């Protein structure tokens, strides 16, 4: 082999590689934060449950 020794922490050169670095995809915005949606759904369920619990105790 005619390639010089490449240290372990480096990537060796590749002959004939025409690949380019992939582009980073755009931020998905609100869809990339499902935890926020989960908490909004849970909060809505708690508010509806509290309404019915209050109705039961008001009888």
N, C-alpha and C. Protein backbone atom coordinates (compact mmCIF):
# COMPACT_ATOMS: atom_id res chain seq x y z
N UNK A 1 0.85 -1.18 0.00
CA UNK A 1 0.00 0.00 0.00
C UNK A 1 0.88 1.24 0.00
N UNK A 2 0.49 2.21 -0.79
CA UNK A 2 1.28 3.43 -0.89
C UNK A 2 0.74 4.55 -0.03
N UNK A 3 -0.42 4.34 0.60
CA UNK A 3 -0.99 5.38 1.45
C UNK A 3 -0.16 5.54 2.72
N UNK A 4 0.11 6.78 3.10
CA UNK A 4 0.81 6.98 4.37
C UNK A 4 -0.10 6.58 5.53
N UNK A 5 0.51 6.29 6.65
CA UNK A 5 -0.24 5.89 7.84
C UNK A 5 -1.11 7.06 8.32
N UNK A 6 -2.40 6.79 8.57
CA UNK A 6 -3.34 7.81 9.03
C UNK A 6 -3.59 7.58 10.51
N UNK A 7 -3.42 8.61 11.33
CA UNK A 7 -3.69 8.44 12.77
C UNK A 7 -5.13 7.99 13.02
N UNK A 8 -5.38 7.25 14.10
CA UNK A 8 -6.73 6.71 14.37
C UNK A 8 -7.82 7.77 14.51
N UNK A 9 -7.47 8.98 14.94
CA UNK A 9 -8.52 9.98 15.15
C UNK A 9 -8.87 10.74 13.87
N UNK A 10 -8.22 10.44 12.77
CA UNK A 10 -8.50 11.12 11.52
C UNK A 10 -9.14 10.17 10.52
N UNK A 11 -9.89 10.73 9.60
CA UNK A 11 -10.52 9.93 8.55
C UNK A 11 -9.57 9.85 7.37
N UNK A 12 -9.31 8.66 6.89
CA UNK A 12 -8.40 8.54 5.74
C UNK A 12 -9.04 9.10 4.47
N UNK A 13 -8.23 9.58 3.54
CA UNK A 13 -8.78 10.09 2.29
C UNK A 13 -9.35 8.95 1.45
N UNK A 14 -10.38 9.23 0.70
CA UNK A 14 -11.03 8.23 -0.12
C UNK A 14 -10.88 8.65 -1.58
N UNK A 15 -10.40 7.76 -2.39
CA UNK A 15 -10.21 8.09 -3.80
C UNK A 15 -11.54 8.02 -4.54
N UNK A 16 -11.78 8.97 -5.39
CA UNK A 16 -12.95 8.95 -6.24
C UNK A 16 -14.25 9.29 -5.53
N UNK A 17 -14.19 9.79 -4.33
CA UNK A 17 -15.42 10.12 -3.61
C UNK A 17 -15.99 11.43 -4.15
N UNK A 18 -17.23 11.39 -4.60
CA UNK A 18 -17.88 12.61 -5.09
C UNK A 18 -19.01 13.03 -4.15
N UNK A 19 -19.12 12.34 -3.02
CA UNK A 19 -20.20 12.64 -2.08
C UNK A 19 -19.97 13.99 -1.42
N UNK A 20 -21.06 14.69 -1.21
CA UNK A 20 -21.00 15.96 -0.51
C UNK A 20 -21.64 15.79 0.86
N UNK A 21 -21.30 16.68 1.74
CA UNK A 21 -21.92 16.64 3.07
C UNK A 21 -23.41 16.89 2.92
N UNK A 22 -24.21 16.13 3.64
CA UNK A 22 -25.65 16.31 3.52
C UNK A 22 -26.06 17.62 4.17
N UNK A 23 -27.11 18.20 3.64
CA UNK A 23 -27.61 19.45 4.20
C UNK A 23 -28.43 19.14 5.44
N UNK A 24 -28.29 19.99 6.43
CA UNK A 24 -29.06 19.81 7.65
C UNK A 24 -30.50 20.20 7.36
N UNK A 25 -31.42 19.35 7.79
CA UNK A 25 -32.81 19.64 7.48
C UNK A 25 -33.30 20.82 8.31
N UNK A 26 -34.32 21.47 7.79
CA UNK A 26 -34.87 22.65 8.45
C UNK A 26 -35.51 22.26 9.79
N UNK A 27 -35.54 23.22 10.68
CA UNK A 27 -36.18 23.00 11.98
C UNK A 27 -37.66 22.74 11.77
N UNK A 28 -38.17 21.69 12.41
CA UNK A 28 -39.57 21.34 12.24
C UNK A 28 -40.52 22.21 13.03
N UNK A 29 -39.99 23.17 13.77
CA UNK A 29 -40.85 24.08 14.52
C UNK A 29 -41.60 23.37 15.63
N UNK A 30 -42.89 23.65 15.70
CA UNK A 30 -43.68 23.10 16.81
C UNK A 30 -43.84 21.59 16.72
N UNK A 31 -43.65 21.00 15.54
CA UNK A 31 -43.84 19.56 15.40
C UNK A 31 -42.66 18.78 15.97
N UNK A 32 -41.55 19.44 16.25
CA UNK A 32 -40.40 18.75 16.82
C UNK A 32 -40.43 18.77 18.35
N UNK A 33 -41.49 19.27 18.92
CA UNK A 33 -41.59 19.34 20.38
C UNK A 33 -42.89 18.70 20.83
N UNK A 34 -42.99 17.36 20.72
CA UNK A 34 -44.25 16.70 21.08
C UNK A 34 -44.57 16.80 22.57
N UNK A 35 -43.55 17.06 23.39
CA UNK A 35 -43.80 17.21 24.82
C UNK A 35 -44.71 18.38 25.13
N UNK A 36 -44.55 19.45 24.36
CA UNK A 36 -45.40 20.64 24.55
C UNK A 36 -46.84 20.28 24.25
N UNK A 37 -47.06 19.58 23.13
CA UNK A 37 -48.42 19.18 22.77
C UNK A 37 -49.00 18.23 23.80
N UNK A 38 -48.18 17.31 24.30
CA UNK A 38 -48.65 16.37 25.32
C UNK A 38 -49.12 17.13 26.56
N UNK A 39 -48.33 18.11 27.01
CA UNK A 39 -48.72 18.87 28.19
C UNK A 39 -49.98 19.70 27.94
N UNK A 40 -50.15 20.22 26.74
CA UNK A 40 -51.38 20.96 26.44
C UNK A 40 -52.60 20.04 26.47
N UNK A 41 -52.46 18.83 25.96
CA UNK A 41 -53.56 17.87 25.99
C UNK A 41 -53.88 17.47 27.42
N UNK A 42 -52.84 17.20 28.21
CA UNK A 42 -53.04 16.83 29.61
C UNK A 42 -53.69 17.98 30.38
N UNK A 43 -53.23 19.19 30.14
CA UNK A 43 -53.82 20.36 30.82
C UNK A 43 -55.29 20.51 30.45
N UNK A 44 -55.63 20.33 29.19
CA UNK A 44 -57.03 20.41 28.77
C UNK A 44 -57.88 19.33 29.42
N UNK A 45 -57.33 18.11 29.52
CA UNK A 45 -58.06 17.02 30.16
C UNK A 45 -58.28 17.31 31.65
N UNK A 46 -57.28 17.88 32.30
CA UNK A 46 -57.41 18.22 33.72
C UNK A 46 -58.45 19.31 33.91
N UNK A 47 -58.48 20.28 33.05
CA UNK A 47 -59.48 21.36 33.16
C UNK A 47 -60.89 20.82 32.97
N UNK A 48 -61.08 19.94 31.97
CA UNK A 48 -62.40 19.34 31.75
C UNK A 48 -62.79 18.48 32.94
N UNK A 49 -61.85 17.69 33.46
CA UNK A 49 -62.14 16.85 34.63
C UNK A 49 -62.49 17.71 35.84
N UNK A 50 -61.77 18.81 36.03
CA UNK A 50 -62.05 19.70 37.16
C UNK A 50 -63.44 20.31 37.03
N UNK A 51 -63.86 20.61 35.83
CA UNK A 51 -65.20 21.15 35.62
C UNK A 51 -66.26 20.15 36.08
N UNK A 52 -66.11 18.88 35.68
CA UNK A 52 -67.10 17.89 36.06
C UNK A 52 -67.04 17.56 37.55
N UNK A 53 -65.85 17.58 38.14
CA UNK A 53 -65.73 17.35 39.59
C UNK A 53 -66.42 18.50 40.33
N UNK A 54 -66.22 19.72 39.85
CA UNK A 54 -66.88 20.88 40.49
C UNK A 54 -68.39 20.77 40.37
N UNK A 55 -68.90 20.28 39.24
CA UNK A 55 -70.34 20.10 39.06
C UNK A 55 -70.89 19.06 40.03
N UNK A 56 -70.10 17.99 40.25
CA UNK A 56 -70.56 16.94 41.17
C UNK A 56 -70.66 17.50 42.59
N UNK A 57 -69.67 18.26 43.02
CA UNK A 57 -69.69 18.80 44.38
C UNK A 57 -70.66 19.95 44.55
N UNK A 58 -71.10 20.56 43.46
CA UNK A 58 -72.04 21.69 43.59
C UNK A 58 -73.49 21.21 43.69
N UNK A 59 -73.73 19.91 43.51
CA UNK A 59 -75.10 19.42 43.58
C UNK A 59 -75.63 19.45 44.96
